[in-house]
C-alpha atoms as a PDB file:
ATOM      1  CA  MET A   1       4.304  57.048 -21.131  1.00  0.00           C
ATOM      2  CA  ASP A   2       7.205  56.077 -23.380  1.00  0.00           C
ATOM      3  CA  GLU A   3      10.554  55.500 -21.752  1.00  0.00           C
ATOM      4  CA  PRO A   4      13.306  57.907 -22.857  1.00  0.00           C
ATOM      5  CA  LYS A   5      15.736  56.349 -25.290  1.00  0.00           C
ATOM      6  CA  ALA A   6      19.419  57.143 -25.507  1.00  0.00           C
ATOM      7  CA  PHE A   7      19.786  56.457 -29.219  1.00  0.00           C
ATOM      8  CA  VAL A   8      18.475  58.185 -32.303  1.00  0.00           C
ATOM      9  CA  ASN A   9      18.992  57.050 -35.865  1.00  0.00           C
ATOM     10  CA  TRP A  10      20.742  60.232 -36.976  1.00  0.00           C
ATOM     11  CA  GLN A  11      20.970  59.024 -40.579  1.00  0.00           C
ATOM     12  CA  ALA A  12      17.178  58.792 -40.710  1.00  0.00           C
ATOM     13  CA  VAL A  13      16.884  62.250 -39.143  1.00  0.00           C
ATOM     14  CA  GLN A  14      19.312  63.651 -41.700  1.00  0.00           C
ATOM     15  CA  LYS A  15      17.277  62.135 -44.548  1.00  0.00           C
ATOM     16  CA  ILE A  16      14.178  63.908 -43.248  1.00  0.00           C
ATOM     17  CA  LEU A  17      16.106  67.185 -43.141  1.00  0.00           C
ATOM     18  CA  GLU A  18      17.460  66.638 -46.659  1.00  0.00           C
ATOM     19  CA  LYS A  19      13.934  65.997 -47.976  1.00  0.00           C
ATOM     20  CA  GLU A  20      12.806  69.438 -46.838  1.00  0.00           C
ATOM     21  CA  ASN A  21      15.735  71.271 -48.449  1.00  0.00           C
ATOM     22  CA  THR A  22      13.781  72.063 -51.585  1.00  0.00           C
ATOM     23  CA  ALA A  23      12.300  75.079 -53.315  1.00  0.00           C
ATOM     24  CA  GLY A  24      14.648  77.716 -51.931  1.00  0.00           C
ATOM     25  CA  ILE A  25      15.685  76.183 -48.617  1.00  0.00           C
ATOM     26  CA  THR A  26      19.483  76.242 -48.555  1.00  0.00           C
ATOM     27  CA  SER A  27      20.136  74.264 -45.378  1.00  0.00           C
ATOM     28  CA  THR A  28      18.609  72.757 -42.262  1.00  0.00           C
ATOM     29  CA  LEU A  29      20.395  72.295 -38.933  1.00  0.00           C
ATOM     30  CA  LEU A  30      19.463  70.340 -35.827  1.00  0.00           C
ATOM     31  CA  PHE A  31      21.271  71.248 -32.617  1.00  0.00           C
ATOM     32  CA  ASN A  32      20.782  71.221 -28.866  1.00  0.00           C
ATOM     33  CA  PHE A  33      20.005  74.219 -26.656  1.00  0.00           C
ATOM     34  CA  LYS A  34      23.706  74.652 -25.906  1.00  0.00           C
ATOM     35  CA  GLY A  35      24.426  75.097 -29.617  1.00  0.00           C
ATOM     36  CA  SER A  36      26.101  71.745 -30.280  1.00  0.00           C
ATOM     37  CA  LEU A  37      25.332  70.673 -33.830  1.00  0.00           C
ATOM     38  CA  LEU A  38      23.799  67.189 -34.073  1.00  0.00           C
ATOM     39  CA  THR A  39      23.160  66.905 -37.807  1.00  0.00           C
ATOM     40  CA  SER A  40      22.712  69.115 -40.826  1.00  0.00           C
ATOM     41  CA  ALA A  41      21.619  68.906 -44.433  1.00  0.00           C
ATOM     42  CA  GLY A  42      22.187  71.129 -47.422  1.00  0.00           C
ATOM     43  CA  ASP A  43      24.775  73.717 -48.279  1.00  0.00           C
ATOM     44  CA  VAL A  44      25.962  74.670 -44.830  1.00  0.00           C
ATOM     45  CA  LYS A  45      28.977  76.858 -44.197  1.00  0.00           C
ATOM     46  CA  ASN A  46      30.073  77.511 -40.623  1.00  0.00           C
ATOM     47  CA  GLU A  47      27.291  75.308 -39.284  1.00  0.00           C
ATOM     48  CA  HIS A  48      28.897  75.057 -35.837  1.00  0.00           C
ATOM     49  CA  ILE A  49      28.997  78.844 -35.529  1.00  0.00           C
ATOM     50  CA  ILE A  50      25.418  79.210 -36.783  1.00  0.00           C
ATOM     51  CA  SER A  51      24.107  76.608 -34.346  1.00  0.00           C
ATOM     52  CA  ALA A  52      25.916  78.229 -31.397  1.00  0.00           C
ATOM     53  CA  LEU A  53      24.663  81.717 -32.302  1.00  0.00           C
ATOM     54  CA  MET A  54      21.082  80.616 -32.906  1.00  0.00           C
ATOM     55  CA  ALA A  55      20.992  78.661 -29.632  1.00  0.00           C
ATOM     56  CA  ASN A  56      22.122  81.773 -27.749  1.00  0.00           C
ATOM     57  CA  ILE A  57      19.614  83.990 -29.534  1.00  0.00           C
ATOM     58  CA  TRP A  58      16.855  81.468 -28.782  1.00  0.00           C
ATOM     59  CA  LYS A  59      17.901  81.306 -25.127  1.00  0.00           C
ATOM     60  CA  SER A  60      17.851  85.108 -24.817  1.00  0.00           C
ATOM     61  CA  TYR A  61      14.338  85.382 -26.228  1.00  0.00           C
ATOM     62  CA  ALA A  62      13.033  82.326 -24.381  1.00  0.00           C
ATOM     63  CA  GLU A  63      13.942  83.921 -21.059  1.00  0.00           C
ATOM     64  CA  SER A  64      11.607  86.839 -21.737  1.00  0.00           C
ATOM     65  CA  GLN A  65       8.991  85.144 -23.941  1.00  0.00           C
ATOM     66  CA  LYS A  66       7.018  82.383 -22.267  1.00  0.00           C
ATOM     67  CA  ASN A  67       6.202  79.422 -24.533  1.00  0.00           C
ATOM     68  CA  LEU A  68       8.496  80.499 -27.375  1.00  0.00           C
ATOM     69  CA  ASN A  69       8.085  77.926 -30.150  1.00  0.00           C
ATOM     70  CA  PHE A  70       9.139  79.712 -33.349  1.00  0.00           C
ATOM     71  CA  MET A  71      11.376  82.598 -34.352  1.00  0.00           C
ATOM     72  CA  LEU A  72      12.299  84.292 -37.635  1.00  0.00           C
ATOM     73  CA  VAL A  73      15.690  85.958 -37.962  1.00  0.00           C
ATOM     74  CA  ASP A  74      16.394  88.320 -40.829  1.00  0.00           C
ATOM     75  CA  CYS A  75      20.087  88.339 -41.772  1.00  0.00           C
ATOM     76  CA  GLU A  76      22.221  90.112 -44.356  1.00  0.00           C
ATOM     77  CA  GLU A  77      22.438  86.945 -46.436  1.00  0.00           C
ATOM     78  CA  GLY A  78      18.965  85.488 -45.989  1.00  0.00           C
ATOM     79  CA  HIS A  79      16.280  84.388 -43.543  1.00  0.00           C
ATOM     80  CA  LEU A  80      16.475  81.864 -40.714  1.00  0.00           C
ATOM     81  CA  GLY A  81      13.534  80.109 -39.123  1.00  0.00           C
ATOM     82  CA  ILE A  82      14.077  78.419 -35.757  1.00  0.00           C
ATOM     83  CA  ALA A  83      11.748  76.141 -33.804  1.00  0.00           C
ATOM     84  CA  GLY A  84      11.997  74.077 -30.653  1.00  0.00           C
ATOM     85  CA  ILE A  85      11.572  70.332 -30.935  1.00  0.00           C
ATOM     86  CA  GLY A  86      11.836  68.370 -27.697  1.00  0.00           C
ATOM     87  CA  ARG A  87      15.239  69.150 -26.211  1.00  0.00           C
ATOM     88  CA  PHE A  88      16.538  70.443 -29.535  1.00  0.00           C
ATOM     89  CA  LEU A  89      16.278  73.317 -31.976  1.00  0.00           C
ATOM     90  CA  ILE A  90      15.817  73.100 -35.712  1.00  0.00           C
ATOM     91  CA  CYS A  91      16.940  75.911 -37.982  1.00  0.00           C
ATOM     92  CA  MET A  92      16.149  76.342 -41.680  1.00  0.00           C
ATOM     93  CA  TYR A  93      17.950  78.863 -43.833  1.00  0.00           C
ATOM     94  CA  THR A  94      17.100  80.433 -47.162  1.00  0.00           C
ATOM     95  CA  SER A  95      19.320  82.860 -49.047  1.00  0.00           C
ATOM     96  CA  ASP A  96      16.372  83.861 -51.246  1.00  0.00           C
ATOM     97  CA  PHE A  97      14.965  87.130 -49.844  1.00  0.00           C
ATOM     98  CA  LYS A  98      11.818  86.610 -51.925  1.00  0.00           C
ATOM     99  CA  PHE A  99      11.138  83.247 -50.255  1.00  0.00           C
ATOM    100  CA  PRO A 100       7.754  83.522 -48.486  1.00  0.00           C
ATOM    101  CA  LEU A 101       8.268  83.622 -44.720  1.00  0.00           C
ATOM    102  CA  GLY A 102       4.982  81.780 -44.176  1.00  0.00           C
ATOM    103  CA  LEU A 103       6.306  78.930 -46.305  1.00  0.00           C
ATOM    104  CA  LEU A 104       9.540  78.867 -44.286  1.00  0.00           C
ATOM    105  CA  LYS A 105       7.490  78.542 -41.108  1.00  0.00           C
ATOM    106  CA  ALA A 106       5.289  75.837 -42.665  1.00  0.00           C
ATOM    107  CA  LYS A 107       8.331  73.812 -43.741  1.00  0.00           C
ATOM    108  CA  ILE A 108       9.818  73.976 -40.250  1.00  0.00           C
ATOM    109  CA  GLU A 109       6.504  72.975 -38.693  1.00  0.00           C
ATOM    110  CA  LYS A 110       6.365  69.993 -41.067  1.00  0.00           C
ATOM    111  CA  VAL A 111       9.821  68.817 -39.946  1.00  0.00           C
ATOM    112  CA  VAL A 112       8.919  69.383 -36.293  1.00  0.00           C
ATOM    113  CA  ALA A 113       5.790  67.246 -36.734  1.00  0.00           C
ATOM    114  CA  LYS A 114       7.842  64.436 -38.309  1.00  0.00           C
ATOM    115  CA  LEU A 115      10.585  64.512 -35.679  1.00  0.00           C
ATOM    116  CA  ASP A 116       8.656  65.462 -32.553  1.00  0.00           C
ATOM    117  CA  LYS A 117       7.926  61.949 -31.307  1.00  0.00           C
ATOM    118  CA  PRO A 118      11.354  60.391 -31.966  1.00  0.00           C
ATOM    119  CA  LEU A 119      13.302  63.377 -30.585  1.00  0.00           C
ATOM    120  CA  SER A 120      11.011  63.953 -27.611  1.00  0.00           C
ATOM    121  CA  SER A 121      11.963  60.537 -26.259  1.00  0.00           C
ATOM    122  CA  VAL A 122      15.680  61.382 -26.170  1.00  0.00           C
ATOM    123  CA  PHE A 123      17.038  62.269 -22.748  1.00  0.00           C
END
């Protein structure tokens, strides 16, 4: 079993997030379960508020839904997709209401697959 590591190359993580901000994805956020923003990419306004709100929404649903691993949130200004990754949450946002929700989920799953191993070793 790998030993937990205290350090993450956040610049490398941010580059991965930036790579996925294509074809209608406006922004991607990575934050902890308490809502503290760790890094973000894209056109993000009020990212600290978004991360805090999404962490609380996730927590509320996770208490009643066992094994929650993905959530879609429909907002006035777009769609949010949220997924758990290790001890963190990743959130992707699109302001395009015609953006396919299945594609939003697929893009998040792709980022989770890329970041799962490095972020799972963080304590």
